[in-house]
Amino acid sequence: MIGWLISGVVLWQFRLAGPRAANTALFIHDLLTWAGLPIIIYHSITRVKWLKEPKKRTIMAEAVPLEETSSPAGRARPVAPSEAQPMYSRRGFIKVAVGAGLAVTLGPTFVRWIGKSLQFPGTADYAATNANALIPDPVPLAESAPPIGGGAEGSFRVYTVTAIPAFDNSNWSFTIDGLVDKKLSWNWEEFVKLQREVQVSDFHCVTGWSVYKNTWEGLPLSKLLDMAGVQPGAVMVKFYSGDGVYTDSLTLDQARMDDIMVAVMHDGKPIPNQLGGPVRLVTPQMYAYKSVKWLNRIELINEDYVGYWEQRGYDKDAWLPGAKRV
C-alpha cells in the first residue's frame, strides 16, 4: 500500500518528477494495483455482513426431524436433532470467490500487460497487425532504415476516444486550408512523394509513460505552412483527426518549432493505425495529447481554439518539464 501511494503521488506530480521518474512510477503503480486487486477482492468478500452471521453464512443439509418423548410431567418435549452438516462453509465460499476473482483479474490481460511492460518479444507488434492498406508504402530515407535513434525504447499504450479507424487509398486525403494563400490537398500517392526529413525524439504521455529515441520520418509542419502560405489574420493552427472527433491546436509560434513534425514513418516503417497512422502529428516538447493521431487536415484560424482534452480539463499548453517554451 505504501509503494502504491508513493508511486501515485509521483504520477500526480508528474510535471515535477519528470518523464523518466513518472514512467518508472507508472510501472510500479500498475504492478502494485495488479497485486492489490486480489487482496481487495478477498477482504471485500470476508467483510460482507451475511458471511459473519453464523445462521446465514452456511448452507445446512436437511436436518433430522425432531422426536418427542414424554416428560415426567406427562408433557411432550423436543429432543435435539442430529447435528446438521454444512453443504459449504464460509472458507469454501471464500476460496471459490477469490479463485474466480484471481482468474478474472490476473488472467490473459495481466499476461499481456506484463509482456508489454517488460518488452517481451512479440507482445506489441503493431506493424504486423496494421489495418491500414495504403499503396504504395513510403520508401524510408537512409536515416530511417536502420533508425538512427537505434530503435524506440519503451512501449506505446493505445488510447483512443473512438474506435481505431483504418484507411486505404479510397478514403484518405490530406488537406491544408483556412486562412492560407493556397489551399493544398493530396491523395496518398501524392503525399508520399513530398520530401521528408528524419528526427529522433522522445514521446511522453501525460499519464506517465514514455517511449524514448523514436526515429520519426515526415514533413516539418513549418514547411507545410510555408507551402500553403499563412495569411496575416491567422493566429492558431487547428488539427483534425481522421476519427472524425478528435481535434487540437497550436499557436503559430508553437507550430513553427523545428521539431514539430507531420510524421509518416516510425523507426523506418509506416506508422500503423493503432499508433495513429498513416499520418500523425509529433510534438516532442509537449505531452502526446497534442500529437494528433490519424491527422488528415490542418486549418489556419483567426481565433483561439481549445482541443478535445483541454475541454475536459487538460492544460492547453502541454509543455514537458524543461521544454523550450514559445
Protein backbone atom coordinates (compact mmCIF):
# COMPACT_ATOMS: atom_id res chain seq x y z
CA MET A 1 0.00 0.00 0.00
CA ILE A 2 2.87 2.39 0.82
CA GLY A 3 4.51 1.73 -2.54
CA TRP A 4 1.18 2.17 -4.32
CA LEU A 5 0.60 5.52 -2.59
CA ILE A 6 4.13 6.82 -3.22
CA SER A 7 4.04 5.90 -6.89
CA GLY A 8 0.60 7.50 -7.13
CA VAL A 9 1.96 10.75 -5.69
CA VAL A 10 4.78 10.74 -8.26
CA LEU A 11 2.22 10.29 -11.04
CA TRP A 12 0.08 13.06 -9.55
CA GLN A 13 3.09 15.39 -9.57
CA PHE A 14 4.44 14.13 -12.89
CA ARG A 15 5.42 17.61 -14.04
CA LEU A 16 7.78 18.00 -11.08
CA ALA A 17 9.04 14.42 -11.19
CA GLY A 18 9.92 14.41 -14.88
CA PRO A 19 9.16 11.81 -17.56
CA ARG A 20 11.62 9.09 -16.56
CA ALA A 21 10.58 9.09 -12.91
CA ALA A 22 6.93 9.14 -13.92
CA ASN A 23 7.44 6.23 -16.32
CA THR A 24 9.01 4.13 -13.56
CA ALA A 25 6.30 5.15 -11.10
CA LEU A 26 3.58 4.13 -13.57
CA PHE A 27 5.02 0.63 -13.91
CA ILE A 28 5.29 0.25 -10.12
CA HIS A 29 1.80 1.65 -9.60
CA ASP A 30 0.30 -0.72 -12.17
CA LEU A 31 2.15 -3.72 -10.76
CA LEU A 32 1.02 -2.97 -7.22
CA THR A 33 -2.52 -2.44 -8.48
CA TRP A 34 -2.48 -5.91 -10.01
CA ALA A 35 -1.15 -7.33 -6.75
CA GLY A 36 -3.68 -5.40 -4.70
CA LEU A 37 -6.79 -6.43 -6.62
CA PRO A 38 -6.92 -9.98 -5.21
CA ILE A 39 -6.43 -8.59 -1.70
CA ILE A 40 -9.27 -6.13 -2.22
CA ILE A 41 -11.50 -8.90 -3.53
CA TYR A 42 -10.62 -11.14 -0.59
CA HIS A 43 -11.30 -8.51 2.06
CA SER A 44 -14.46 -7.32 0.34
CA ILE A 45 -15.84 -10.83 0.48
CA THR A 46 -14.77 -11.56 4.05
CA ARG A 47 -16.30 -8.31 5.27
CA VAL A 48 -19.74 -9.00 3.79
CA LYS A 49 -22.21 -8.97 6.66
CA TRP A 50 -24.02 -12.21 5.87
CA LEU A 51 -20.76 -14.17 5.95
CA LYS A 52 -20.26 -13.07 9.55
CA GLU A 53 -23.65 -14.24 10.71
CA PRO A 54 -23.48 -17.93 11.68
CA LYS A 55 -27.07 -18.61 10.71
CA LYS A 56 -26.60 -17.16 7.26
CA ARG A 57 -23.06 -17.94 6.31
CA THR A 58 -23.54 -21.72 6.00
CA ILE A 59 -25.98 -23.69 3.90
CA MET A 60 -27.06 -26.65 6.00
CA ALA A 61 -28.05 -30.11 4.90
CA GLU A 62 -31.59 -31.20 5.75
CA ALA A 63 -31.84 -31.83 9.49
CA VAL A 64 -33.23 -34.99 11.08
CA PRO A 65 -36.88 -34.38 12.19
CA LEU A 66 -37.45 -33.63 15.82
CA GLU A 67 -38.52 -36.50 18.07
CA GLU A 68 -40.81 -36.18 21.04
CA THR A 69 -40.68 -38.04 24.39
CA SER A 70 -42.84 -37.84 27.46
CA SER A 71 -41.55 -35.79 30.35
CA PRO A 72 -42.18 -36.77 33.97
CA ALA A 73 -44.96 -34.28 33.99
CA GLY A 74 -46.54 -36.07 31.09
CA ARG A 75 -45.83 -33.31 28.62
CA ALA A 76 -44.07 -33.98 25.37
CA ARG A 77 -40.66 -32.33 24.99
CA PRO A 78 -38.47 -32.00 21.86
CA VAL A 79 -35.24 -33.91 21.55
CA ALA A 80 -32.30 -32.07 19.93
CA PRO A 81 -31.91 -33.07 16.29
CA SER A 82 -28.85 -34.76 14.93
CA GLU A 83 -26.27 -32.08 14.14
CA ALA A 84 -26.77 -30.77 10.59
CA GLN A 85 -23.73 -30.88 8.34
CA PRO A 86 -22.87 -27.80 6.27
CA MET A 87 -23.04 -28.15 2.47
CA TYR A 88 -20.38 -25.46 2.16
CA SER A 89 -18.68 -23.19 4.65
CA ARG A 90 -17.53 -19.62 4.62
CA ARG A 91 -14.00 -20.82 3.98
CA GLY A 92 -15.11 -22.79 0.95
CA PHE A 93 -17.10 -19.86 -0.40
CA ILE A 94 -14.14 -17.51 0.00
CA LYS A 95 -11.82 -19.91 -1.79
CA VAL A 96 -14.18 -20.14 -4.75
CA ALA A 97 -14.80 -16.38 -4.87
CA VAL A 98 -11.16 -15.42 -4.57
CA GLY A 99 -10.18 -18.03 -7.13
CA ALA A 100 -12.72 -16.61 -9.58
CA GLY A 101 -11.51 -13.08 -8.87
CA LEU A 102 -7.91 -14.06 -9.47
CA ALA A 103 -8.83 -15.80 -12.71
CA VAL A 104 -10.58 -12.66 -13.94
CA THR A 105 -8.07 -10.07 -12.77
CA LEU A 106 -4.81 -11.96 -13.26
CA GLY A 107 -5.66 -13.82 -16.44
CA PRO A 108 -4.76 -13.03 -20.04
CA THR A 109 -4.94 -9.26 -19.53
CA PHE A 110 -2.24 -9.41 -16.88
CA VAL A 111 -0.04 -11.58 -19.08
CA ARG A 112 -0.34 -9.09 -21.94
CA TRP A 113 0.37 -6.17 -19.63
CA ILE A 114 3.48 -7.67 -18.08
CA GLY A 115 4.73 -8.71 -21.52
CA LYS A 116 4.38 -5.20 -22.90
CA SER A 117 5.80 -3.57 -19.80
CA LEU A 118 8.89 -5.76 -19.85
CA GLN A 119 9.03 -5.75 -23.66
CA PHE A 120 8.79 -9.48 -24.17
CA PRO A 121 9.24 -10.38 -27.84
CA GLY A 122 6.10 -10.28 -29.96
CA THR A 123 3.82 -8.67 -27.38
CA ALA A 124 3.30 -5.37 -29.22
CA ASP A 125 3.92 -5.92 -32.92
CA TYR A 126 1.67 -3.17 -34.19
CA ALA A 127 3.22 -3.19 -37.66
CA ALA A 128 2.20 -6.82 -38.16
CA THR A 129 -1.44 -6.04 -37.34
CA ASN A 130 -1.65 -2.69 -39.13
CA ALA A 131 -5.14 -2.42 -40.61
CA ASN A 132 -4.25 0.43 -42.99
CA ALA A 133 -3.99 -0.59 -46.65
CA LEU A 134 -2.40 2.36 -48.42
CA ILE A 135 -0.37 1.83 -51.59
CA PRO A 136 2.48 2.44 -52.15
CA ASP A 137 4.42 2.08 -48.92
CA PRO A 138 6.64 5.12 -48.31
CA VAL A 139 10.30 4.37 -49.04
CA PRO A 140 12.33 5.16 -45.91
CA LEU A 141 15.27 7.52 -46.05
CA ALA A 142 18.70 6.14 -45.20
CA GLU A 143 18.50 7.65 -41.71
CA SER A 144 15.31 5.69 -41.00
CA ALA A 145 16.40 2.21 -42.04
CA PRO A 146 18.04 1.28 -39.79
CA PRO A 147 16.75 4.03 -37.49
CA ILE A 148 19.43 6.49 -36.46
CA GLY A 149 17.90 6.54 -32.98
CA GLY A 150 18.78 2.87 -32.59
CA GLY A 151 15.15 1.83 -32.26
CA ALA A 152 12.47 3.05 -29.89
CA GLU A 153 12.94 2.18 -26.22
CA GLY A 154 9.71 1.50 -24.36
CA SER A 155 6.23 0.52 -25.45
CA PHE A 156 3.24 2.55 -26.54
CA ARG A 157 -0.10 2.35 -24.80
CA VAL A 158 -3.02 2.79 -27.15
CA TYR A 159 -5.63 5.31 -26.02
CA THR A 160 -8.46 6.48 -28.25
CA VAL A 161 -11.71 8.39 -27.91
CA THR A 162 -13.33 6.42 -30.74
CA ALA A 163 -12.85 3.03 -32.34
CA ILE A 164 -9.47 2.83 -34.09
CA PRO A 165 -10.04 3.81 -37.73
CA ALA A 166 -8.35 2.23 -40.74
CA PHE A 167 -7.68 3.80 -44.14
CA ASP A 168 -6.95 2.89 -47.73
CA ASN A 169 -6.35 4.90 -50.90
CA SER A 170 -10.07 5.44 -51.42
CA ASN A 171 -10.84 7.13 -48.10
CA TRP A 172 -7.66 9.01 -47.23
CA SER A 173 -6.58 12.52 -48.18
CA PHE A 174 -4.65 15.34 -46.53
CA THR A 175 -5.74 18.99 -46.62
CA ILE A 176 -4.36 22.34 -45.50
CA ASP A 177 -6.95 25.10 -45.64
CA GLY A 178 -8.44 28.03 -43.76
CA LEU A 179 -6.55 31.31 -43.70
CA VAL A 180 -3.94 30.29 -46.26
CA ASP A 181 -2.88 31.78 -49.58
CA LYS A 182 -3.28 28.47 -51.32
CA LYS A 183 -5.42 25.55 -50.23
CA LEU A 184 -3.47 22.31 -50.56
CA SER A 185 -4.81 18.78 -50.86
CA TRP A 186 -3.06 15.49 -51.57
CA ASN A 187 -4.10 11.91 -52.03
CA TRP A 188 -1.83 9.20 -50.62
CA GLU A 189 0.19 8.67 -53.80
CA GLU A 190 0.95 12.40 -53.95
CA PHE A 191 1.61 12.79 -50.23
CA VAL A 192 4.33 10.13 -50.03
CA LYS A 193 6.24 11.89 -52.83
CA LEU A 194 6.76 15.01 -50.71
CA GLN A 195 10.30 15.49 -49.44
CA ARG A 196 10.55 14.15 -45.90
CA GLU A 197 13.06 14.62 -43.09
CA VAL A 198 14.13 12.50 -40.11
CA GLN A 199 14.33 13.33 -36.42
CA VAL A 200 14.98 11.40 -33.21
CA SER A 201 12.85 12.40 -30.22
CA ASP A 202 11.20 11.09 -27.08
CA PHE A 203 7.45 10.59 -26.74
CA HIS A 204 5.77 11.34 -23.41
CA CYS A 205 2.17 10.66 -22.42
CA VAL A 206 0.51 12.81 -19.77
CA THR A 207 -0.49 9.62 -17.90
CA GLY A 208 3.16 8.96 -17.09
CA TRP A 209 4.61 6.54 -19.66
CA SER A 210 7.23 7.36 -22.27
CA VAL A 211 8.89 5.87 -25.34
CA TYR A 212 12.43 7.06 -25.92
CA LYS A 213 14.64 7.51 -29.01
CA ASN A 214 11.91 7.31 -31.63
CA THR A 215 13.08 7.83 -35.20
CA TRP A 216 10.31 9.75 -36.94
CA GLU A 217 10.27 10.49 -40.64
CA GLY A 218 7.92 13.08 -42.08
CA LEU A 219 7.41 16.69 -43.04
CA PRO A 220 8.24 19.58 -40.70
CA LEU A 221 5.00 21.40 -40.01
CA SER A 222 6.65 24.76 -40.63
CA LYS A 223 7.47 23.75 -44.21
CA LEU A 224 3.90 22.65 -44.88
CA LEU A 225 2.67 26.00 -43.59
CA ASP A 226 5.14 27.79 -45.87
CA MET A 227 3.89 25.77 -48.85
CA ALA A 228 0.33 26.91 -48.16
CA GLY A 229 1.22 30.48 -47.20
CA VAL A 230 -0.18 31.77 -43.90
CA GLN A 231 -2.40 34.84 -44.13
CA PRO A 232 -1.84 37.73 -41.67
CA GLY A 233 -5.13 37.15 -39.83
CA ALA A 234 -4.26 33.58 -38.76
CA VAL A 235 -3.43 33.10 -35.07
CA MET A 236 -3.89 29.36 -34.46
CA VAL A 237 -3.29 26.08 -36.25
CA LYS A 238 -6.10 23.58 -35.78
CA PHE A 239 -5.56 19.84 -36.34
CA TYR A 240 -8.23 17.32 -37.26
CA SER A 241 -8.09 13.58 -36.67
CA GLY A 242 -9.41 11.12 -39.21
CA ASP A 243 -11.54 9.57 -36.47
CA GLY A 244 -13.93 12.49 -37.03
CA VAL A 245 -13.95 13.52 -33.36
CA TYR A 246 -10.54 14.47 -32.02
CA THR A 247 -9.09 17.94 -32.60
CA ASP A 248 -6.36 20.08 -31.06
CA SER A 249 -4.42 23.23 -31.79
CA LEU A 250 -1.09 25.04 -31.55
CA THR A 251 -0.24 28.70 -31.73
CA LEU A 252 1.60 29.78 -34.87
CA ASP A 253 4.82 30.16 -32.89
CA GLN A 254 4.46 26.66 -31.45
CA ALA A 255 3.61 25.22 -34.87
CA ARG A 256 6.84 26.64 -36.29
CA MET A 257 9.10 24.96 -33.75
CA ASP A 258 11.81 22.93 -35.50
CA ASP A 259 10.75 19.56 -34.08
CA ILE A 260 7.01 19.73 -34.77
CA MET A 261 6.53 17.12 -37.48
CA VAL A 262 3.77 15.61 -39.58
CA ALA A 263 5.12 12.06 -39.38
CA VAL A 264 4.65 9.25 -41.89
CA MET A 265 7.13 6.66 -40.60
CA HIS A 266 8.35 5.40 -37.24
CA ASP A 267 11.66 3.56 -36.94
CA GLY A 268 11.77 3.01 -40.69
CA LYS A 269 8.25 1.56 -41.03
CA PRO A 270 4.86 3.06 -41.89
CA ILE A 271 3.04 4.19 -38.75
CA PRO A 272 0.36 1.53 -38.03
CA ASN A 273 -3.22 2.55 -37.46
CA GLN A 274 -3.04 1.58 -33.76
CA LEU A 275 -0.36 4.26 -33.27
CA GLY A 276 -2.12 6.94 -35.27
CA GLY A 277 -1.01 6.16 -38.83
CA PRO A 278 -0.82 6.60 -41.69
CA VAL A 279 -0.01 10.19 -40.62
CA ARG A 280 0.20 11.69 -37.16
CA LEU A 281 1.46 14.86 -35.57
CA VAL A 282 4.60 14.66 -33.40
CA THR A 283 5.20 17.30 -30.69
CA PRO A 284 8.31 16.18 -28.77
CA GLN A 285 8.36 19.05 -26.26
CA MET A 286 4.70 18.62 -25.36
CA TYR A 287 2.66 15.79 -23.93
CA ALA A 288 1.27 13.42 -26.51
CA TYR A 289 -2.36 14.51 -26.39
CA LYS A 290 -1.13 17.32 -28.65
CA SER A 291 0.25 14.75 -31.11
CA VAL A 292 -2.98 14.26 -33.04
CA LYS A 293 -3.38 10.74 -34.43
CA TRP A 294 -4.76 9.92 -37.90
CA LEU A 295 -4.07 13.53 -38.91
CA ASN A 296 -5.74 14.41 -42.20
CA ARG A 297 -6.49 18.12 -42.05
CA ILE A 298 -4.75 21.31 -40.89
CA GLU A 299 -6.75 24.52 -40.71
CA LEU A 300 -5.43 28.04 -40.08
CA ILE A 301 -7.93 30.01 -37.97
CA ASN A 302 -8.20 33.58 -36.63
CA GLU A 303 -9.33 32.76 -33.09
CA ASP A 304 -8.32 30.75 -30.07
CA TYR A 305 -9.26 27.08 -30.06
CA VAL A 306 -9.47 24.61 -27.17
CA GLY A 307 -8.81 20.97 -28.08
CA TYR A 308 -10.61 17.77 -27.14
CA TRP A 309 -8.80 17.03 -23.88
CA GLU A 310 -8.33 20.67 -22.95
CA GLN A 311 -12.13 20.96 -22.98
CA ARG A 312 -12.06 18.18 -20.39
CA GLY A 313 -9.55 19.79 -18.05
CA TYR A 314 -6.10 19.24 -19.56
CA ASP A 315 -3.67 22.13 -19.87
CA LYS A 316 -3.94 23.99 -23.13
CA ASP A 317 -0.16 24.33 -23.27
CA ALA A 318 1.06 20.79 -22.76
CA TRP A 319 4.71 21.60 -22.15
CA LEU A 320 7.03 18.98 -20.72
CA PRO A 321 9.20 19.94 -17.73
CA GLY A 322 12.25 21.78 -19.05
CA ALA A 323 10.78 22.32 -22.52
CA LYS A 324 11.79 25.39 -24.51
CA ARG A 325 8.53 27.30 -24.43
CA VAL A 326 7.45 29.74 -27.12
